[in-house]
Structures are given as structure tokens and as C-alpha cells.
Amino acid sequence: MHIDPNRPVGGEARKSYAAKARCGFWERFITGSAVLDVGFRGHLADTVPIVDGAIGVDVDYPGYDGRILPFPTESQDAVYSSHCLEHMPDYVIAIQEWHRVAKIGGHIITVVPNALLYERRRRPPSAWNVTHVRFFTPATLLNEFESALLPNTYRVRHFAENDFGYNYDLPSHKHPEGCYEIELVIEKIRPPAWDIGN
């Protein structure tokens, strides 16, 4: 897969897209040609999906209601969503849908703003984006996935706080600069024959 480090992806993804290309992030987690980029457009008119050939899914995509994806079960090599989950009131269904459409061995790549870096507070309302319905720390993001998905149907393959270029010197009343996000990548796995005990 060829990755153009200057690809005009969503505004937040642009900040560290080239760095992720250099370190092999995209090649590691986007391993096939069937890719969804959920909530790709954001507020920029020139935005394209995360990699060549990916399908950009936004609220105006035919058959998509902001929760249920109009794609067959286990049809996607990767599902990518950057700075979208914080806008979704029904996160359980959204996460379950991302997992449903992912193939066994496929990855779900989720990026959300870190409340402690972006919001600089623990609870809504947001000072910077009134459509943020939930705030995230690393623990709360992982908890949302654990509450939405059955045990042993996925494995965490990457979990990091991305503060690339973040300006820690700005006061809290100024909009943050740089990256201020949490990255979670899970791999969908075939569940084992055994069940979790109590």
C-alpha cells in the first residue's frame, strides 16, 4: 500500500498522518483494501478518506443513520474513525457495528480527543466543541469498548496517547495546539471455543 504523507485527510488526522506513515502505522493496521473511514469529513471541504480506496462514511452516506453501517458482516479489513466517537450518543451500537463489519484479523482504529489535553476538564460541556457528548481518558475509552464488545472477540494491538506537537505552555483558556488524542487499535479475533468463567 502506498501512503502519501501529504494526503488531505481529516483535520485532526492530518496533524500526525505523515509521522504515522514514517513509522509504519498505516501498513501495520490497514492490511487490506476494504476500509471504512467513519466520520471522515469533519469540517473541511477537501477531506478524503484515510487511505486510497477507503470508503468515507458520514451522516449523508446512503443507508447510514449515524449508528448502523450499511455493509455486510465481516466485509472490512479495517474500520477507521478519528474524532467521531465523542459525538455519538449511542456509542455501544456504533462500536458493535464497527466490530460487526470487520473481518476476523481486521483492525478497528479509533482516535478520540483526550479530555485532559483537549478539554482540560473531566466532564461536558466542552468549551471548544458543543457537539461533544462525552469526554475520554485512556481508561474511559477502553471501558467503552469493553462494555460494548463480548470478551475474547478482540485484542488490543495499540493503545497510546498522541501529544505530537502539543503546546503544554498554552493557558487553559486558549484552544490547544498540536495533537491531543488517544489512539486505540483492536484486532477482531475468532472467539475461542471456551467461555470466560466467573
N, C-alpha and C. Protein backbone atom coordinates (compact mmCIF):
# COMPACT_ATOMS: atom_id res chain seq x y z
N MET A 1 0.85 -1.19 0.00
CA MET A 1 0.00 0.00 0.00
C MET A 1 0.89 1.24 0.00
N HIS A 2 0.60 2.14 -0.92
CA HIS A 2 1.34 3.41 -0.98
C HIS A 2 0.62 4.44 -0.10
N ILE A 3 1.37 5.08 0.78
CA ILE A 3 0.83 6.12 1.65
C ILE A 3 1.47 7.45 1.27
N ASP A 4 0.64 8.40 0.87
CA ASP A 4 1.11 9.75 0.57
C ASP A 4 1.09 10.54 1.87
N PRO A 5 2.24 10.93 2.41
CA PRO A 5 2.25 11.64 3.70
C PRO A 5 1.53 12.99 3.67
N ASN A 6 1.25 13.50 2.48
CA ASN A 6 0.54 14.78 2.35
C ASN A 6 -0.94 14.60 2.00
N ARG A 7 -1.45 13.41 2.15
CA ARG A 7 -2.85 13.13 1.83
C ARG A 7 -3.76 14.06 2.64
N PRO A 8 -4.76 14.69 1.99
CA PRO A 8 -5.63 15.65 2.71
C PRO A 8 -6.75 14.95 3.50
N VAL A 9 -6.35 14.21 4.53
CA VAL A 9 -7.31 13.52 5.39
C VAL A 9 -7.92 14.52 6.36
N GLY A 10 -8.78 14.05 7.26
CA GLY A 10 -9.44 14.94 8.22
C GLY A 10 -8.47 15.79 9.01
N GLY A 11 -8.95 16.92 9.49
CA GLY A 11 -8.11 17.92 10.13
C GLY A 11 -7.27 17.40 11.28
N GLU A 12 -7.85 16.60 12.15
CA GLU A 12 -7.08 16.07 13.28
C GLU A 12 -6.11 15.00 12.82
N ALA A 13 -6.54 14.14 11.91
CA ALA A 13 -5.66 13.07 11.40
C ALA A 13 -4.46 13.65 10.66
N ARG A 14 -4.63 14.81 10.03
CA ARG A 14 -3.53 15.43 9.27
C ARG A 14 -2.33 15.75 10.16
N LYS A 15 -2.60 16.07 11.40
CA LYS A 15 -1.53 16.52 12.29
C LYS A 15 -0.43 15.48 12.47
N SER A 16 -0.79 14.20 12.46
CA SER A 16 0.23 13.17 12.66
C SER A 16 0.20 12.10 11.57
N TYR A 17 -0.45 12.38 10.46
CA TYR A 17 -0.57 11.41 9.38
C TYR A 17 0.80 11.02 8.83
N ALA A 18 1.64 12.01 8.53
CA ALA A 18 2.96 11.74 7.98
C ALA A 18 3.82 10.97 8.98
N ALA A 19 3.76 11.32 10.24
CA ALA A 19 4.54 10.61 11.27
C ALA A 19 4.10 9.15 11.35
N LYS A 20 2.80 8.90 11.24
CA LYS A 20 2.30 7.52 11.26
C LYS A 20 2.74 6.77 9.99
N ALA A 21 2.82 7.48 8.88
CA ALA A 21 3.30 6.85 7.65
C ALA A 21 4.76 6.45 7.81
N ARG A 22 5.57 7.33 8.39
CA ARG A 22 7.00 7.04 8.56
C ARG A 22 7.26 5.85 9.47
N CYS A 23 6.44 5.70 10.51
CA CYS A 23 6.69 4.62 11.47
C CYS A 23 5.98 3.31 11.08
N GLY A 24 5.24 3.31 9.97
CA GLY A 24 4.59 2.09 9.50
C GLY A 24 3.24 1.79 10.13
N PHE A 25 2.66 2.77 10.83
CA PHE A 25 1.38 2.56 11.50
C PHE A 25 0.30 2.12 10.52
N TRP A 26 0.19 2.84 9.39
CA TRP A 26 -0.88 2.54 8.43
C TRP A 26 -0.70 1.15 7.82
N GLU A 27 0.52 0.80 7.44
CA GLU A 27 0.77 -0.52 6.87
C GLU A 27 0.53 -1.64 7.88
N ARG A 28 0.77 -1.35 9.14
CA ARG A 28 0.59 -2.38 10.17
C ARG A 28 -0.88 -2.69 10.42
N PHE A 29 -1.73 -1.65 10.43
CA PHE A 29 -3.11 -1.83 10.85
C PHE A 29 -4.13 -1.78 9.72
N ILE A 30 -3.74 -1.28 8.56
CA ILE A 30 -4.63 -1.31 7.40
C ILE A 30 -3.99 -2.28 6.40
N THR A 31 -4.41 -3.53 6.49
CA THR A 31 -3.71 -4.60 5.77
C THR A 31 -4.47 -5.13 4.55
N GLY A 32 -5.56 -4.51 4.21
CA GLY A 32 -6.33 -4.93 3.04
C GLY A 32 -6.94 -3.72 2.37
N SER A 33 -7.68 -3.97 1.31
CA SER A 33 -8.23 -2.87 0.51
C SER A 33 -9.64 -2.45 0.92
N ALA A 34 -10.33 -3.26 1.72
CA ALA A 34 -11.69 -2.91 2.15
C ALA A 34 -11.60 -2.14 3.46
N VAL A 35 -11.72 -0.82 3.37
CA VAL A 35 -11.52 0.06 4.52
C VAL A 35 -12.66 1.07 4.60
N LEU A 36 -13.20 1.24 5.79
CA LEU A 36 -14.18 2.30 6.05
C LEU A 36 -13.52 3.39 6.88
N ASP A 37 -13.82 4.63 6.56
CA ASP A 37 -13.41 5.78 7.36
C ASP A 37 -14.69 6.44 7.84
N VAL A 38 -15.07 6.14 9.07
CA VAL A 38 -16.35 6.59 9.63
C VAL A 38 -16.19 7.99 10.22
N GLY A 39 -17.04 8.92 9.74
CA GLY A 39 -16.99 10.30 10.19
C GLY A 39 -15.81 11.05 9.61
N PHE A 40 -15.43 10.72 8.37
CA PHE A 40 -14.17 11.20 7.79
C PHE A 40 -14.16 12.68 7.46
N ARG A 41 -15.30 13.25 7.16
CA ARG A 41 -15.30 14.59 6.57
C ARG A 41 -14.97 15.70 7.56
N GLY A 42 -15.57 15.65 8.74
CA GLY A 42 -15.32 16.74 9.68
C GLY A 42 -15.80 18.06 9.12
N HIS A 43 -15.04 19.10 9.35
CA HIS A 43 -15.46 20.44 8.92
C HIS A 43 -14.68 20.95 7.70
N LEU A 44 -13.82 20.10 7.12
CA LEU A 44 -13.01 20.53 5.99
C LEU A 44 -13.61 20.04 4.68
N ALA A 45 -13.70 20.91 3.70
CA ALA A 45 -14.34 20.57 2.42
C ALA A 45 -13.48 19.66 1.56
N ASP A 46 -12.15 19.74 1.69
CA ASP A 46 -11.26 18.99 0.80
C ASP A 46 -10.84 17.63 1.37
N THR A 47 -11.50 17.15 2.38
CA THR A 47 -11.11 15.93 3.06
C THR A 47 -11.38 14.69 2.20
N VAL A 48 -10.43 13.75 2.26
CA VAL A 48 -10.60 12.46 1.60
C VAL A 48 -10.46 11.37 2.68
N PRO A 49 -10.97 10.16 2.40
CA PRO A 49 -10.81 9.07 3.38
C PRO A 49 -9.34 8.75 3.65
N ILE A 50 -9.11 8.02 4.70
CA ILE A 50 -7.79 7.85 5.31
C ILE A 50 -6.74 7.24 4.39
N VAL A 51 -7.11 6.33 3.51
CA VAL A 51 -6.16 5.75 2.53
C VAL A 51 -6.86 5.62 1.18
N ASP A 52 -6.06 5.48 0.13
CA ASP A 52 -6.63 5.26 -1.21
C ASP A 52 -7.56 4.06 -1.20
N GLY A 53 -8.72 4.22 -1.82
CA GLY A 53 -9.69 3.13 -1.92
C GLY A 53 -10.62 2.99 -0.74
N ALA A 54 -10.34 3.68 0.36
CA ALA A 54 -11.23 3.62 1.52
C ALA A 54 -12.55 4.29 1.19
N ILE A 55 -13.61 3.81 1.83
CA ILE A 55 -14.93 4.41 1.67
C ILE A 55 -15.15 5.37 2.83
N GLY A 56 -15.41 6.61 2.50
CA GLY A 56 -15.72 7.61 3.52
C GLY A 56 -17.19 7.55 3.88
N VAL A 57 -17.46 7.30 5.15
CA VAL A 57 -18.85 7.18 5.63
C VAL A 57 -19.12 8.35 6.57
N ASP A 58 -20.11 9.14 6.20
CA ASP A 58 -20.54 10.24 7.06
C ASP A 58 -22.05 10.20 7.14
N VAL A 59 -22.66 11.12 7.86
CA VAL A 59 -24.11 11.06 8.10
C VAL A 59 -24.92 11.14 6.82
N ASP A 60 -24.33 11.61 5.71
CA ASP A 60 -25.06 11.67 4.45
C ASP A 60 -24.81 10.44 3.56
N TYR A 61 -24.09 9.44 4.08
CA TYR A 61 -23.83 8.24 3.28
C TYR A 61 -25.12 7.44 3.15
N PRO A 62 -25.47 6.96 1.95
CA PRO A 62 -26.73 6.23 1.75
C PRO A 62 -26.87 5.02 2.68
N GLY A 63 -27.96 5.00 3.43
CA GLY A 63 -28.25 3.88 4.33
C GLY A 63 -27.61 3.97 5.70
N TYR A 64 -26.80 5.00 5.95
CA TYR A 64 -26.14 5.16 7.25
C TYR A 64 -26.92 6.16 8.09
N ASP A 65 -27.27 5.76 9.31
CA ASP A 65 -28.06 6.62 10.19
C ASP A 65 -27.24 7.17 11.36
N GLY A 66 -25.92 7.08 11.26
CA GLY A 66 -25.08 7.54 12.37
C GLY A 66 -24.76 6.44 13.37
N ARG A 67 -25.35 5.26 13.14
CA ARG A 67 -25.09 4.12 14.03
C ARG A 67 -24.89 2.84 13.23
N ILE A 68 -25.94 2.42 12.51
CA ILE A 68 -25.90 1.15 11.78
C ILE A 68 -25.19 1.34 10.44
N LEU A 69 -24.16 0.55 10.20
CA LEU A 69 -23.40 0.64 8.95
C LEU A 69 -24.05 -0.22 7.86
N PRO A 70 -24.25 0.32 6.67
CA PRO A 70 -24.88 -0.43 5.59
C PRO A 70 -23.87 -1.29 4.82
N PHE A 71 -23.15 -2.14 5.56
CA PHE A 71 -22.15 -3.02 4.97
C PHE A 71 -22.31 -4.41 5.56
N PRO A 72 -22.00 -5.45 4.79
CA PRO A 72 -22.16 -6.82 5.29
C PRO A 72 -21.24 -7.13 6.46
N THR A 73 -21.65 -8.10 7.26
CA THR A 73 -20.84 -8.60 8.37
C THR A 73 -19.52 -9.15 7.83
N GLU A 74 -18.46 -8.84 8.54
CA GLU A 74 -17.10 -9.32 8.22
C GLU A 74 -16.70 -9.02 6.78
N SER A 75 -16.98 -7.78 6.35
CA SER A 75 -16.66 -7.38 4.98
C SER A 75 -15.48 -6.41 4.89
N GLN A 76 -14.98 -5.92 6.03
CA GLN A 76 -13.98 -4.85 6.01
C GLN A 76 -12.66 -5.30 6.63
N ASP A 77 -11.56 -4.93 5.97
CA ASP A 77 -10.24 -5.21 6.52
C ASP A 77 -9.89 -4.26 7.66
N ALA A 78 -10.44 -3.06 7.61
CA ALA A 78 -10.19 -2.08 8.67
C ALA A 78 -11.35 -1.10 8.74
N VAL A 79 -11.62 -0.65 9.95
CA VAL A 79 -12.57 0.44 10.19
C VAL A 79 -11.80 1.51 10.95
N TYR A 80 -11.78 2.70 10.39
CA TYR A 80 -11.04 3.82 10.99
C TYR A 80 -12.04 4.90 11.35
N SER A 81 -11.87 5.48 12.53
CA SER A 81 -12.73 6.60 12.94
C SER A 81 -11.92 7.54 13.81
N SER A 82 -11.77 8.77 13.36
CA SER A 82 -10.98 9.76 14.08
C SER A 82 -11.86 10.92 14.52
N HIS A 83 -11.83 11.20 15.80
CA HIS A 83 -12.55 12.33 16.38
C HIS A 83 -14.02 12.31 15.98
N CYS A 84 -14.62 11.14 16.17
CA CYS A 84 -16.03 10.93 15.82
C CYS A 84 -16.81 10.36 16.99
N LEU A 85 -16.23 9.40 17.71
CA LEU A 85 -16.94 8.70 18.78
C LEU A 85 -17.45 9.65 19.86
N GLU A 86 -16.74 10.71 20.11
CA GLU A 86 -17.17 11.68 21.14
C GLU A 86 -18.44 12.42 20.75
N HIS A 87 -18.84 12.34 19.48
CA HIS A 87 -20.07 12.98 19.01
C HIS A 87 -21.26 12.03 19.02
N MET A 88 -21.04 10.74 19.27
CA MET A 88 -22.08 9.72 19.13
C MET A 88 -22.74 9.41 20.48
N PRO A 89 -24.02 9.75 20.63
CA PRO A 89 -24.69 9.43 21.89
C PRO A 89 -24.80 7.93 22.14
N ASP A 90 -25.02 7.15 21.08
CA ASP A 90 -25.20 5.71 21.24
C ASP A 90 -23.91 4.99 20.85
N TYR A 91 -22.89 5.15 21.68
CA TYR A 91 -21.58 4.61 21.37
C TYR A 91 -21.57 3.08 21.33
N VAL A 92 -22.41 2.43 22.13
CA VAL A 92 -22.41 0.96 22.18
C VAL A 92 -22.73 0.39 20.80
N ILE A 93 -23.81 0.87 20.19
CA ILE A 93 -24.19 0.37 18.86
C ILE A 93 -23.12 0.72 17.83
N ALA A 94 -22.56 1.92 17.91
CA ALA A 94 -21.52 2.31 16.95
C ALA A 94 -20.33 1.36 17.03
N ILE A 95 -19.84 1.10 18.23
CA ILE A 95 -18.68 0.21 18.39
C ILE A 95 -19.03 -1.21 17.95
N GLN A 96 -20.22 -1.66 18.32
CA GLN A 96 -20.64 -3.01 17.90
C GLN A 96 -20.74 -3.12 16.38
N GLU A 97 -21.17 -2.07 15.72
CA GLU A 97 -21.24 -2.07 14.27
C GLU A 97 -19.85 -2.09 13.64
N TRP A 98 -18.93 -1.30 14.18
CA TRP A 98 -17.56 -1.33 13.66
C TRP A 98 -17.00 -2.74 13.76
N HIS A 99 -17.26 -3.37 14.90
CA HIS A 99 -16.77 -4.72 15.14
C HIS A 99 -17.47 -5.72 14.21
N ARG A 100 -18.76 -5.56 14.02
CA ARG A 100 -19.53 -6.48 13.17
C ARG A 100 -18.99 -6.52 11.75
N VAL A 101 -18.72 -5.35 11.17
CA VAL A 101 -18.33 -5.31 9.77
C VAL A 101 -16.86 -5.67 9.56
N ALA A 102 -16.05 -5.65 10.62
CA ALA A 102 -14.63 -6.00 10.50
C ALA A 102 -14.48 -7.50 10.27
N LYS A 103 -13.54 -7.86 9.41
CA LYS A 103 -13.20 -9.27 9.20
C LYS A 103 -12.43 -9.80 10.39
N ILE A 104 -12.44 -11.11 10.58
CA ILE A 104 -11.54 -11.72 11.55
C ILE A 104 -10.11 -11.37 11.13
N GLY A 105 -9.34 -10.84 12.04
CA GLY A 105 -7.99 -10.37 11.73
C GLY A 105 -7.93 -8.93 11.29
N GLY A 106 -9.11 -8.30 11.10
CA GLY A 106 -9.16 -6.89 10.73
C GLY A 106 -9.03 -6.00 11.95
N HIS A 107 -8.73 -4.74 11.71
CA HIS A 107 -8.50 -3.79 12.80
C HIS A 107 -9.55 -2.69 12.84
N ILE A 108 -9.87 -2.27 14.05
CA ILE A 108 -10.70 -1.09 14.29
C ILE A 108 -9.77 -0.06 14.92
N ILE A 109 -9.61 1.05 14.23
CA ILE A 109 -8.70 2.12 14.66
C ILE A 109 -9.56 3.29 15.10
N THR A 110 -9.51 3.61 16.37
CA THR A 110 -10.33 4.68 16.92
C THR A 110 -9.43 5.74 17.54
N VAL A 111 -9.70 6.99 17.20
CA VAL A 111 -8.95 8.11 17.75
C VAL A 111 -9.95 9.11 18.31
N VAL A 112 -9.74 9.52 19.56
CA VAL A 112 -10.63 10.48 20.21
C VAL A 112 -9.80 11.54 20.92
N PRO A 113 -10.37 12.71 21.16
CA PRO A 113 -9.63 13.71 21.92
C PRO A 113 -9.47 13.29 23.38
N ASN A 114 -8.32 13.57 23.93
CA ASN A 114 -8.05 13.30 25.33
C ASN A 114 -8.60 14.47 26.15
N ALA A 115 -9.53 14.18 27.04
CA ALA A 115 -10.18 15.24 27.82
C ALA A 115 -9.17 16.08 28.60
N LEU A 116 -8.10 15.45 29.05
CA LEU A 116 -7.13 16.16 29.89
C LEU A 116 -6.21 17.06 29.07
N LEU A 117 -6.14 16.84 27.77
CA LEU A 117 -5.32 17.69 26.90
C LEU A 117 -6.17 18.64 26.06
N TYR A 118 -7.30 18.14 25.54
CA TYR A 118 -8.13 18.98 24.69
C TYR A 118 -9.10 19.83 25.51
N GLU A 119 -9.94 19.17 26.27
CA GLU A 119 -10.94 19.89 27.07
C GLU A 119 -10.31 20.56 28.29
N ARG A 120 -9.31 19.88 28.84
CA ARG A 120 -8.65 20.30 30.09
C ARG A 120 -9.67 20.37 31.23
N ARG A 121 -10.61 19.43 31.15
CA ARG A 121 -11.62 19.24 32.19
C ARG A 121 -12.14 17.82 32.06
N ARG A 122 -12.86 17.36 33.07
CA ARG A 122 -13.27 15.95 33.10
C ARG A 122 -14.64 15.67 32.51
N ARG A 123 -15.54 16.66 32.50
CA ARG A 123 -16.93 16.40 32.09
C ARG A 123 -17.44 17.50 31.16
N PRO A 124 -18.42 17.12 30.31
CA PRO A 124 -19.06 18.13 29.45
C PRO A 124 -19.74 19.20 30.29
N PRO A 125 -19.99 20.34 29.72
CA PRO A 125 -19.90 20.67 28.30
C PRO A 125 -18.49 21.05 27.88
N SER A 126 -18.25 20.92 26.59
CA SER A 126 -16.96 21.28 26.02
C SER A 126 -16.89 22.78 25.81
N ALA A 127 -15.75 23.33 26.11
CA ALA A 127 -15.52 24.75 25.83
C ALA A 127 -15.21 24.98 24.36
N TRP A 128 -14.85 23.91 23.62
CA TRP A 128 -14.36 24.06 22.26
C TRP A 128 -15.28 23.47 21.20
N ASN A 129 -16.12 22.50 21.57
CA ASN A 129 -16.99 21.87 20.58
C ASN A 129 -18.28 21.42 21.27
N VAL A 130 -19.35 22.12 21.01
CA VAL A 130 -20.62 21.85 21.71
C VAL A 130 -21.25 20.53 21.32
N THR A 131 -20.76 19.89 20.23
CA THR A 131 -21.33 18.60 19.83
C THR A 131 -20.62 17.40 20.49
N HIS A 132 -19.64 17.65 21.33
CA HIS A 132 -19.00 16.56 22.09
C HIS A 132 -19.95 16.15 23.21
N VAL A 133 -20.45 14.92 23.14
CA VAL A 133 -21.40 14.46 24.17
C VAL A 133 -20.71 13.68 25.28
N ARG A 134 -19.47 13.22 25.04
CA ARG A 134 -18.71 12.51 26.06
C ARG A 134 -17.25 12.91 25.98
N PHE A 135 -16.57 12.85 27.11
CA PHE A 135 -15.15 13.11 27.18
C PHE A 135 -14.42 11.79 27.44
N PHE A 136 -13.15 11.72 27.04
CA PHE A 136 -12.39 10.48 27.17
C PHE A 136 -11.07 10.69 27.88
N THR A 137 -10.75 9.72 28.71
CA THR A 137 -9.39 9.48 29.16
C THR A 137 -9.03 8.11 28.59
N PRO A 138 -7.77 7.69 28.66
CA PRO A 138 -7.47 6.34 28.19
C PRO A 138 -8.36 5.27 28.85
N ALA A 139 -8.58 5.40 30.14
CA ALA A 139 -9.38 4.40 30.86
C ALA A 139 -10.83 4.38 30.39
N THR A 140 -11.43 5.55 30.17
CA THR A 140 -12.84 5.56 29.76
C THR A 140 -13.03 5.07 28.33
N LEU A 141 -12.06 5.35 27.45
CA LEU A 141 -12.16 4.85 26.08
C LEU A 141 -12.10 3.32 26.07
N LEU A 142 -11.15 2.77 26.78
CA LEU A 142 -11.04 1.31 26.83
C LEU A 142 -12.28 0.70 27.48
N ASN A 143 -12.80 1.37 28.49
CA ASN A 143 -14.02 0.88 29.16
C ASN A 143 -15.21 0.85 28.20
N GLU A 144 -15.33 1.83 27.32
CA GLU A 144 -16.44 1.83 26.36
C GLU A 144 -16.35 0.63 25.42
N PHE A 145 -15.16 0.30 24.98
CA PHE A 145 -15.01 -0.89 24.12
C PHE A 145 -15.29 -2.16 24.91
N GLU A 146 -14.81 -2.24 26.14
CA GLU A 146 -15.06 -3.43 26.95
C GLU A 146 -16.53 -3.61 27.27
N SER A 147 -17.25 -2.51 27.44
CA SER A 147 -18.68 -2.62 27.74
C SER A 147 -19.51 -2.93 26.49
N ALA A 148 -19.00 -2.60 25.32
CA ALA A 148 -19.76 -2.80 24.08
C ALA A 148 -19.53 -4.17 23.45
N LEU A 149 -18.34 -4.74 23.63
CA LEU A 149 -17.98 -5.97 22.93
C LEU A 149 -17.87 -7.16 23.87
N LEU A 150 -18.16 -8.33 23.34
CA LEU A 150 -18.03 -9.56 24.12
C LEU A 150 -16.56 -9.87 24.38
N PRO A 151 -16.25 -10.43 25.55
CA PRO A 151 -14.85 -10.81 25.83
C PRO A 151 -14.35 -11.80 24.79
N ASN A 152 -13.07 -11.73 24.53
CA ASN A 152 -12.39 -12.65 23.61
C ASN A 152 -12.93 -12.62 22.19
N THR A 153 -13.47 -11.48 21.78
CA THR A 153 -13.81 -11.27 20.37
C THR A 153 -12.86 -10.23 19.75
N TYR A 154 -11.94 -9.72 20.55
CA TYR A 154 -10.98 -8.73 20.09
C TYR A 154 -9.76 -8.74 20.99
N ARG A 155 -8.68 -8.17 20.50
CA ARG A 155 -7.47 -7.97 21.27
C ARG A 155 -6.96 -6.55 21.01
N VAL A 156 -6.46 -5.91 22.05
CA VAL A 156 -5.87 -4.58 21.91
C VAL A 156 -4.48 -4.74 21.29
N ARG A 157 -4.25 -4.06 20.17
CA ARG A 157 -2.96 -4.14 19.48
C ARG A 157 -2.15 -2.86 19.57
N HIS A 158 -2.82 -1.75 19.89
CA HIS A 158 -2.12 -0.46 20.03
C HIS A 158 -2.99 0.42 20.92
N PHE A 159 -2.36 1.07 21.87
CA PHE A 159 -3.09 1.94 22.80
C PHE A 159 -2.12 3.02 23.24
N ALA A 160 -2.35 4.27 22.83
CA ALA A 160 -1.37 5.32 23.10
C ALA A 160 -2.03 6.68 23.20
N GLU A 161 -1.36 7.56 23.92
CA GLU A 161 -1.73 8.98 23.93
C GLU A 161 -0.81 9.68 22.95
N ASN A 162 -1.40 10.40 22.00
CA ASN A 162 -0.64 11.12 20.98
C ASN A 162 -0.65 12.61 21.32
N ASP A 163 0.49 13.10 21.78
CA ASP A 163 0.62 14.53 22.07
C ASP A 163 1.68 15.16 21.17
N PHE A 164 1.82 14.61 19.95
CA PHE A 164 2.78 15.11 18.98
C PHE A 164 2.56 16.61 18.73
N GLY A 165 3.55 17.43 19.02
CA GLY A 165 3.46 18.87 18.79
C GLY A 165 2.55 19.62 19.75
N TYR A 166 2.11 18.96 20.82
CA TYR A 166 1.19 19.62 21.76
C TYR A 166 1.93 20.74 22.50
N ASN A 167 1.27 21.88 22.64
CA ASN A 167 1.87 23.02 23.32
C ASN A 167 1.37 23.05 24.76
N TYR A 168 2.18 22.53 25.67
CA TYR A 168 1.81 22.48 27.08
C TYR A 168 1.91 23.85 27.76
N ASP A 169 2.49 24.83 27.07
CA ASP A 169 2.64 26.16 27.66
C ASP A 169 1.41 27.05 27.51
N LEU A 170 0.45 26.64 26.67
CA LEU A 170 -0.75 27.47 26.49
C LEU A 170 -1.61 27.42 27.74
N PRO A 171 -2.18 28.54 28.15
CA PRO A 171 -3.11 28.52 29.28
C PRO A 171 -4.42 27.82 28.90
N SER A 172 -5.16 27.40 29.89
CA SER A 172 -6.36 26.58 29.65
C SER A 172 -7.47 27.34 28.93
N HIS A 173 -7.45 28.67 28.93
CA HIS A 173 -8.49 29.41 28.22
C HIS A 173 -8.17 29.59 26.73
N LYS A 174 -7.02 29.09 26.27
CA LYS A 174 -6.65 29.13 24.86
C LYS A 174 -6.86 27.75 24.25
N HIS A 175 -7.38 27.71 23.01
CA HIS A 175 -7.59 26.44 22.33
C HIS A 175 -6.25 25.70 22.22
N PRO A 176 -6.24 24.41 22.53
CA PRO A 176 -4.97 23.68 22.48
C PRO A 176 -4.41 23.58 21.05
N GLU A 177 -3.09 23.43 20.98
CA GLU A 177 -2.38 23.30 19.70
C GLU A 177 -1.66 21.96 19.68
N GLY A 178 -1.54 21.40 18.49
CA GLY A 178 -0.87 20.12 18.33
C GLY A 178 -1.85 18.97 18.47
N CYS A 179 -1.33 17.77 18.67
CA CYS A 179 -2.18 16.59 18.83
C CYS A 179 -2.55 16.44 20.31
N TYR A 180 -3.77 16.02 20.54
CA TYR A 180 -4.30 15.88 21.91
C TYR A 180 -5.26 14.71 21.92
N GLU A 181 -4.76 13.53 21.54
CA GLU A 181 -5.69 12.43 21.31
C GLU A 181 -5.23 11.12 21.92
N ILE A 182 -6.19 10.21 21.96
CA ILE A 182 -5.96 8.84 22.40
C ILE A 182 -6.19 7.94 21.20
N GLU A 183 -5.28 7.02 20.96
CA GLU A 183 -5.38 6.09 19.85
C GLU A 183 -5.59 4.68 20.40
N LEU A 184 -6.61 4.01 19.90
CA LEU A 184 -6.87 2.63 20.27
C LEU A 184 -7.05 1.81 19.00
N VAL A 185 -6.30 0.73 18.89
CA VAL A 185 -6.46 -0.20 17.78
C VAL A 185 -6.77 -1.57 18.37
N ILE A 186 -7.90 -2.14 17.95
CA ILE A 186 -8.20 -3.51 18.34
C ILE A 186 -8.24 -4.39 17.09
N GLU A 187 -7.90 -5.64 17.27
CA GLU A 187 -8.00 -6.62 16.21
C GLU A 187 -9.16 -7.54 16.51
N LYS A 188 -10.04 -7.74 15.54
CA LYS A 188 -11.14 -8.68 15.72
C LYS A 188 -10.59 -10.09 15.61
N ILE A 189 -10.92 -10.92 16.59
CA ILE A 189 -10.44 -12.30 16.58
C ILE A 189 -11.63 -13.26 16.59
N ARG A 190 -11.35 -14.49 16.17
CA ARG A 190 -12.36 -15.54 16.26
C ARG A 190 -12.47 -15.96 17.72
N PRO A 191 -13.66 -15.94 18.30
CA PRO A 191 -13.78 -16.31 19.71
C PRO A 191 -13.35 -17.76 19.95
N PRO A 192 -12.71 -18.03 21.07
CA PRO A 192 -12.32 -19.41 21.37
C PRO A 192 -13.54 -20.26 21.69
N ALA A 193 -13.35 -21.55 21.72
CA ALA A 193 -14.46 -22.48 21.99
C ALA A 193 -14.91 -22.44 23.46
N TRP A 194 -14.02 -21.97 24.34
CA TRP A 194 -14.35 -21.92 25.76
C TRP A 194 -14.92 -20.58 26.16
N ASP A 195 -15.65 -20.54 27.27
CA ASP A 195 -16.25 -19.32 27.80
C ASP A 195 -15.45 -18.82 28.99
N ILE A 196 -15.61 -17.54 29.26
CA ILE A 196 -14.99 -16.93 30.45
C ILE A 196 -15.72 -17.42 31.68
N GLY A 197 -14.99 -17.84 32.68
CA GLY A 197 -15.61 -18.23 33.95
C GLY A 197 -15.94 -17.02 34.81
N ASN A 198 -16.59 -17.24 35.93
CA ASN A 198 -16.97 -16.14 36.83
C ASN A 198 -15.81 -15.57 37.58
